[in-house]
N, C-alpha and C. Protein backbone atom coordinates (compact mmCIF):
# COMPACT_ATOMS: atom_id res chain seq x y z
N MET A 1 160.26 -4.19 -79.44
CA MET A 1 161.27 -4.39 -80.45
C MET A 1 160.74 -3.97 -81.82
N PHE A 2 159.46 -4.28 -82.08
CA PHE A 2 158.87 -3.94 -83.37
C PHE A 2 158.92 -2.44 -83.62
N LEU A 3 158.62 -1.63 -82.58
CA LEU A 3 158.63 -0.17 -82.74
C LEU A 3 160.01 0.36 -83.10
N VAL A 4 161.04 -0.26 -82.61
CA VAL A 4 162.40 0.18 -82.91
C VAL A 4 162.66 0.12 -84.41
N PHE A 5 162.12 -0.89 -85.07
CA PHE A 5 162.33 -1.05 -86.51
C PHE A 5 161.23 -0.36 -87.33
N ALA A 6 160.02 -0.29 -86.81
CA ALA A 6 158.90 0.27 -87.57
C ALA A 6 158.99 1.78 -87.69
N LEU A 7 159.38 2.49 -86.64
CA LEU A 7 159.43 3.94 -86.69
C LEU A 7 160.45 4.47 -87.69
N PRO A 8 161.67 3.94 -87.76
CA PRO A 8 162.59 4.43 -88.78
C PRO A 8 162.09 4.13 -90.20
N LEU A 9 161.39 3.03 -90.41
CA LEU A 9 160.88 2.70 -91.73
C LEU A 9 159.76 3.64 -92.14
N GLN A 10 159.02 4.15 -91.17
CA GLN A 10 157.92 5.05 -91.48
C GLN A 10 158.44 6.29 -92.21
N SER A 11 159.60 6.82 -91.82
CA SER A 11 160.13 8.01 -92.47
C SER A 11 160.58 7.72 -93.90
N VAL A 12 160.87 6.46 -94.22
CA VAL A 12 161.25 6.10 -95.58
C VAL A 12 160.07 6.30 -96.52
N PHE A 13 158.85 6.11 -96.03
CA PHE A 13 157.65 6.20 -96.84
C PHE A 13 156.97 7.57 -96.77
N ALA A 14 157.62 8.56 -96.21
CA ALA A 14 157.06 9.90 -96.13
C ALA A 14 157.16 10.60 -97.48
N VAL A 15 156.19 11.44 -97.75
CA VAL A 15 156.19 12.27 -98.95
C VAL A 15 156.22 13.72 -98.48
N ASP A 16 157.23 14.47 -98.90
CA ASP A 16 157.29 15.88 -98.55
C ASP A 16 156.21 16.65 -99.28
N VAL A 17 155.53 17.53 -98.57
CA VAL A 17 154.53 18.41 -99.17
C VAL A 17 155.23 19.74 -99.44
N PRO A 18 155.44 20.10 -100.72
CA PRO A 18 156.13 21.35 -101.01
C PRO A 18 155.29 22.55 -100.58
N LEU A 19 155.94 23.49 -99.93
CA LEU A 19 155.27 24.69 -99.46
C LEU A 19 155.72 25.88 -100.28
N LYS A 20 154.81 26.81 -100.48
CA LYS A 20 155.19 28.06 -101.13
C LYS A 20 154.69 29.19 -100.26
N LYS A 21 155.40 30.28 -100.31
CA LYS A 21 155.04 31.44 -99.51
C LYS A 21 153.87 32.13 -100.16
N GLY A 22 152.86 32.43 -99.36
CA GLY A 22 151.66 33.07 -99.88
C GLY A 22 151.63 34.54 -99.57
N ASP A 23 150.64 35.23 -100.13
CA ASP A 23 150.46 36.66 -99.91
C ASP A 23 149.30 36.85 -98.96
N ASN A 24 149.58 37.40 -97.80
CA ASN A 24 148.51 37.66 -96.84
C ASN A 24 148.21 39.15 -96.73
N GLY A 25 148.56 39.90 -97.76
CA GLY A 25 148.28 41.33 -97.76
C GLY A 25 149.37 42.15 -97.11
N GLN A 26 150.45 41.54 -96.69
CA GLN A 26 151.52 42.25 -96.01
C GLN A 26 152.77 42.33 -96.87
N GLY A 27 152.62 42.30 -98.18
CA GLY A 27 153.78 42.43 -99.04
C GLY A 27 154.48 41.13 -99.33
N GLY A 28 153.79 40.00 -99.11
CA GLY A 28 154.39 38.70 -99.40
C GLY A 28 154.57 38.51 -100.89
N MET A 29 155.14 37.41 -101.30
CA MET A 29 155.39 37.13 -102.70
C MET A 29 154.50 35.99 -103.14
N PRO A 30 153.28 36.28 -103.68
CA PRO A 30 152.34 35.22 -103.99
C PRO A 30 152.83 34.28 -105.07
N GLY A 31 152.54 32.98 -104.84
CA GLY A 31 152.78 31.99 -105.88
C GLY A 31 154.23 31.63 -106.11
N ASN A 32 155.16 32.14 -105.36
CA ASN A 32 156.56 31.80 -105.57
C ASN A 32 156.94 30.58 -104.77
N ASN A 33 157.61 29.67 -105.40
CA ASN A 33 158.09 28.47 -104.74
C ASN A 33 159.24 28.85 -103.81
N ILE A 34 159.25 28.32 -102.60
CA ILE A 34 160.30 28.64 -101.63
C ILE A 34 161.67 28.31 -102.17
N MET A 35 161.81 27.14 -102.82
CA MET A 35 163.11 26.78 -103.37
C MET A 35 163.56 27.79 -104.41
N ALA A 36 162.64 28.22 -105.25
CA ALA A 36 162.98 29.20 -106.28
C ALA A 36 163.40 30.51 -105.64
N MET A 37 162.70 30.89 -104.56
CA MET A 37 163.06 32.13 -103.88
C MET A 37 164.45 32.01 -103.27
N SER A 38 164.74 30.90 -102.65
CA SER A 38 166.05 30.71 -102.03
C SER A 38 167.15 30.66 -103.08
N MET A 39 166.89 29.97 -104.18
CA MET A 39 167.89 29.86 -105.22
C MET A 39 168.19 31.21 -105.84
N SER A 40 167.16 32.05 -106.01
CA SER A 40 167.39 33.34 -106.63
C SER A 40 168.14 34.28 -105.71
N ARG A 41 168.19 33.97 -104.44
CA ARG A 41 168.84 34.84 -103.47
C ARG A 41 170.23 34.35 -103.09
N THR A 42 170.74 33.33 -103.74
CA THR A 42 172.02 32.77 -103.34
C THR A 42 173.20 33.68 -103.66
N MET A 43 172.99 34.73 -104.43
CA MET A 43 174.06 35.65 -104.76
C MET A 43 174.56 36.38 -103.51
N SER A 44 173.65 36.64 -102.58
CA SER A 44 174.01 37.33 -101.36
C SER A 44 173.72 36.41 -100.18
N VAL A 45 174.74 36.00 -99.48
CA VAL A 45 174.58 35.05 -98.38
C VAL A 45 173.65 35.60 -97.31
N ALA A 46 173.68 36.89 -97.07
CA ALA A 46 172.87 37.50 -96.02
C ALA A 46 171.38 37.43 -96.33
N SER A 47 170.99 37.25 -97.59
CA SER A 47 169.57 37.28 -97.93
C SER A 47 169.00 35.90 -98.24
N VAL A 48 169.74 34.83 -98.00
CA VAL A 48 169.22 33.48 -98.24
C VAL A 48 168.15 33.19 -97.20
N SER A 49 167.01 32.73 -97.66
CA SER A 49 165.87 32.46 -96.79
C SER A 49 165.86 31.00 -96.38
N VAL A 50 165.72 30.73 -95.10
CA VAL A 50 165.60 29.36 -94.60
C VAL A 50 164.16 29.20 -94.12
N VAL A 51 163.47 28.22 -94.68
CA VAL A 51 162.08 27.97 -94.33
C VAL A 51 162.04 27.25 -92.99
N PRO A 52 161.35 27.83 -91.99
CA PRO A 52 161.34 27.22 -90.66
C PRO A 52 160.29 26.14 -90.46
N VAL A 53 159.61 25.72 -91.52
CA VAL A 53 158.56 24.71 -91.38
C VAL A 53 158.63 23.72 -92.55
N SER A 54 158.33 22.46 -92.24
CA SER A 54 158.24 21.43 -93.27
C SER A 54 157.03 20.57 -92.99
N VAL A 55 156.49 19.98 -94.06
CA VAL A 55 155.30 19.14 -93.94
C VAL A 55 155.60 17.82 -94.65
N ALA A 56 155.32 16.71 -93.98
CA ALA A 56 155.52 15.38 -94.56
C ALA A 56 154.22 14.59 -94.45
N LEU A 57 153.88 13.91 -95.54
CA LEU A 57 152.67 13.11 -95.60
C LEU A 57 153.05 11.64 -95.43
N TYR A 58 152.49 11.02 -94.40
CA TYR A 58 152.66 9.60 -94.15
C TYR A 58 151.36 8.90 -94.52
N ASP A 59 151.30 7.62 -94.34
CA ASP A 59 150.12 6.83 -94.69
C ASP A 59 148.86 7.35 -94.01
N THR A 60 148.91 7.57 -92.71
CA THR A 60 147.72 8.00 -91.96
C THR A 60 147.95 9.28 -91.18
N GLU A 61 149.06 9.97 -91.44
CA GLU A 61 149.39 11.19 -90.70
C GLU A 61 149.98 12.26 -91.61
N LEU A 62 149.75 13.49 -91.21
CA LEU A 62 150.41 14.63 -91.83
C LEU A 62 151.22 15.28 -90.72
N ALA A 63 152.54 15.32 -90.88
CA ALA A 63 153.43 15.85 -89.83
C ALA A 63 153.91 17.24 -90.23
N VAL A 64 153.69 18.21 -89.35
CA VAL A 64 154.16 19.58 -89.55
C VAL A 64 155.26 19.81 -88.53
N ASP A 65 156.48 20.08 -89.02
CA ASP A 65 157.64 20.25 -88.15
C ASP A 65 158.21 21.65 -88.30
N PHE A 66 158.55 22.26 -87.18
CA PHE A 66 159.16 23.58 -87.16
C PHE A 66 160.61 23.44 -86.72
N SER A 67 161.51 24.12 -87.39
CA SER A 67 162.93 24.01 -87.07
C SER A 67 163.34 24.91 -85.92
N LYS A 68 162.46 25.86 -85.55
CA LYS A 68 162.78 26.78 -84.46
C LYS A 68 161.50 27.41 -83.95
N TYR A 69 161.59 28.12 -82.86
CA TYR A 69 160.47 28.86 -82.30
C TYR A 69 160.12 30.01 -83.24
N ILE A 70 158.85 30.08 -83.65
CA ILE A 70 158.39 31.19 -84.49
C ILE A 70 157.14 31.85 -83.94
N GLY A 71 156.72 31.48 -82.74
CA GLY A 71 155.56 32.10 -82.12
C GLY A 71 154.30 31.27 -82.26
N ILE A 72 153.16 31.96 -82.24
CA ILE A 72 151.86 31.32 -82.36
C ILE A 72 151.59 31.04 -83.84
N VAL A 73 151.22 29.80 -84.14
CA VAL A 73 151.02 29.35 -85.52
C VAL A 73 149.61 28.80 -85.67
N THR A 74 148.96 29.14 -86.78
CA THR A 74 147.67 28.56 -87.12
C THR A 74 147.88 27.61 -88.29
N ILE A 75 147.45 26.36 -88.12
CA ILE A 75 147.52 25.35 -89.18
C ILE A 75 146.09 25.06 -89.60
N THR A 76 145.80 25.24 -90.89
CA THR A 76 144.47 24.98 -91.43
C THR A 76 144.60 24.06 -92.63
N VAL A 77 143.77 23.01 -92.67
CA VAL A 77 143.72 22.12 -93.83
C VAL A 77 142.32 22.22 -94.42
N GLU A 78 142.26 22.52 -95.72
CA GLU A 78 140.98 22.62 -96.41
C GLU A 78 140.85 21.48 -97.42
N ASP A 79 139.63 20.97 -97.58
CA ASP A 79 139.39 19.95 -98.59
C ASP A 79 139.24 20.60 -99.96
N GLN A 80 139.02 19.80 -100.99
CA GLN A 80 138.95 20.32 -102.35
C GLN A 80 137.75 21.22 -102.60
N ASN A 81 136.77 21.20 -101.69
CA ASN A 81 135.59 22.06 -101.81
C ASN A 81 135.72 23.33 -100.99
N GLY A 82 136.88 23.52 -100.34
CA GLY A 82 137.10 24.72 -99.53
C GLY A 82 136.63 24.59 -98.09
N GLY A 83 136.12 23.43 -97.72
CA GLY A 83 135.69 23.21 -96.34
C GLY A 83 136.89 22.95 -95.44
N ILE A 84 136.80 23.39 -94.20
CA ILE A 84 137.90 23.20 -93.26
C ILE A 84 137.84 21.78 -92.71
N ALA A 85 138.86 21.00 -93.02
CA ALA A 85 138.96 19.62 -92.55
C ALA A 85 139.65 19.56 -91.20
N TYR A 86 140.52 20.56 -90.93
CA TYR A 86 141.30 20.56 -89.69
C TYR A 86 141.80 21.98 -89.44
N GLN A 87 141.80 22.38 -88.17
CA GLN A 87 142.39 23.66 -87.80
C GLN A 87 142.93 23.55 -86.38
N GLU A 88 144.11 24.13 -86.19
CA GLU A 88 144.78 24.06 -84.89
C GLU A 88 145.63 25.31 -84.72
N VAL A 89 145.69 25.81 -83.51
CA VAL A 89 146.59 26.91 -83.16
C VAL A 89 147.58 26.35 -82.16
N ILE A 90 148.89 26.49 -82.46
CA ILE A 90 149.90 25.99 -81.54
C ILE A 90 150.91 27.09 -81.22
N ASN A 91 151.55 26.95 -80.09
CA ASN A 91 152.63 27.84 -79.68
C ASN A 91 153.93 27.05 -79.86
N THR A 92 154.77 27.50 -80.77
CA THR A 92 156.00 26.75 -81.05
C THR A 92 157.02 26.88 -79.92
N ARG A 93 156.70 27.64 -78.90
CA ARG A 93 157.55 27.65 -77.71
C ARG A 93 157.35 26.36 -76.93
N SER A 94 156.13 25.80 -77.00
CA SER A 94 155.80 24.57 -76.28
C SER A 94 156.11 23.31 -77.08
N THR A 95 155.89 23.37 -78.39
CA THR A 95 156.11 22.20 -79.24
C THR A 95 156.58 22.65 -80.62
N LEU A 96 157.42 21.85 -81.24
CA LEU A 96 157.92 22.16 -82.57
C LEU A 96 157.34 21.23 -83.63
N GLU A 97 156.28 20.49 -83.27
CA GLU A 97 155.65 19.62 -84.26
C GLU A 97 154.17 19.46 -83.98
N SER A 98 153.44 19.18 -85.05
CA SER A 98 152.03 18.86 -84.96
C SER A 98 151.80 17.64 -85.85
N VAL A 99 151.12 16.64 -85.34
CA VAL A 99 150.81 15.44 -86.11
C VAL A 99 149.30 15.40 -86.28
N ILE A 100 148.86 15.42 -87.53
CA ILE A 100 147.44 15.44 -87.86
C ILE A 100 147.05 14.05 -88.37
N GLU A 101 146.10 13.43 -87.69
CA GLU A 101 145.61 12.11 -88.10
C GLU A 101 144.69 12.28 -89.31
N ILE A 102 145.04 11.66 -90.44
CA ILE A 102 144.26 11.80 -91.66
C ILE A 102 143.73 10.47 -92.17
N GLY A 103 143.89 9.42 -91.39
CA GLY A 103 143.52 8.08 -91.81
C GLY A 103 142.07 7.92 -92.20
N GLY A 104 141.17 8.66 -91.59
CA GLY A 104 139.74 8.54 -91.89
C GLY A 104 139.22 9.56 -92.89
N TRP A 105 140.10 10.37 -93.44
CA TRP A 105 139.67 11.41 -94.38
C TRP A 105 139.35 10.81 -95.75
N ASP A 106 138.47 11.48 -96.49
CA ASP A 106 138.14 11.07 -97.85
C ASP A 106 139.32 11.31 -98.78
N SER A 107 139.40 10.54 -99.85
CA SER A 107 140.45 10.76 -100.84
C SER A 107 140.14 12.05 -101.60
N GLY A 108 141.19 12.68 -102.10
CA GLY A 108 141.03 13.93 -102.84
C GLY A 108 142.19 14.86 -102.59
N SER A 109 142.02 16.08 -103.02
CA SER A 109 143.05 17.11 -102.90
C SER A 109 142.79 17.96 -101.66
N TYR A 110 143.85 18.25 -100.92
CA TYR A 110 143.77 19.07 -99.72
C TYR A 110 144.82 20.17 -99.79
N THR A 111 144.51 21.31 -99.17
CA THR A 111 145.44 22.43 -99.09
C THR A 111 145.73 22.70 -97.63
N ILE A 112 147.03 22.79 -97.29
CA ILE A 112 147.43 23.13 -95.93
C ILE A 112 147.95 24.55 -95.94
N ASN A 113 147.52 25.34 -94.97
CA ASN A 113 147.98 26.72 -94.81
C ASN A 113 148.56 26.85 -93.41
N ILE A 114 149.78 27.37 -93.34
CA ILE A 114 150.47 27.58 -92.07
C ILE A 114 150.75 29.06 -91.96
N SER A 115 150.17 29.71 -90.94
CA SER A 115 150.27 31.15 -90.80
C SER A 115 150.85 31.53 -89.44
N TYR A 116 151.75 32.51 -89.46
CA TYR A 116 152.26 33.10 -88.22
C TYR A 116 152.71 34.51 -88.53
N GLY A 117 152.41 35.43 -87.63
CA GLY A 117 152.78 36.83 -87.87
C GLY A 117 152.23 37.29 -89.21
N THR A 118 153.10 37.81 -90.06
CA THR A 118 152.69 38.25 -91.39
C THR A 118 153.11 37.26 -92.47
N THR A 119 153.39 36.02 -92.06
CA THR A 119 153.89 35.01 -92.99
C THR A 119 152.86 33.90 -93.18
N ASP A 120 152.66 33.49 -94.43
CA ASP A 120 151.80 32.37 -94.78
C ASP A 120 152.57 31.40 -95.67
N PHE A 121 152.41 30.11 -95.42
CA PHE A 121 152.92 29.07 -96.30
C PHE A 121 151.74 28.19 -96.70
N THR A 122 151.71 27.78 -97.96
CA THR A 122 150.63 26.96 -98.48
C THR A 122 151.20 25.77 -99.22
N GLY A 123 150.58 24.61 -99.04
CA GLY A 123 150.97 23.41 -99.76
C GLY A 123 149.74 22.60 -100.14
N VAL A 124 149.86 21.79 -101.18
CA VAL A 124 148.76 20.95 -101.65
C VAL A 124 149.22 19.51 -101.61
N PHE A 125 148.35 18.61 -101.14
CA PHE A 125 148.65 17.19 -101.12
C PHE A 125 147.42 16.39 -101.50
N GLN A 126 147.66 15.17 -101.94
CA GLN A 126 146.59 14.27 -102.38
C GLN A 126 146.47 13.07 -101.43
N LEU A 127 145.27 12.67 -101.15
CA LEU A 127 145.03 11.44 -100.40
C LEU A 127 144.38 10.43 -101.32
């Protein structure tokens, strides 16, 4: 019974990690905020970009959710010193989410990078 009430409350305390599209050398748009890119493209309905990935920070977890199949994805989290704190390769045909346990990590700034094909998304979060 406790889980029935606890799980919905957990999403109330989630913090969205804003992602921006990065430049991986394939003509990407470095440093542009996804929302800004989408807003600037609203003049033409055919060119509105829908971001297929979202990241939410919970108390002891970082949840990466994909809205659709996008192929093989590499998720990398770096600490503030550039060291790799976490790395995973997933096939979004098998799963549309990854949950990263961060409860034992040191406090500080972390960068998450989500890469697939010629697309990179980057976000920064604090613990």
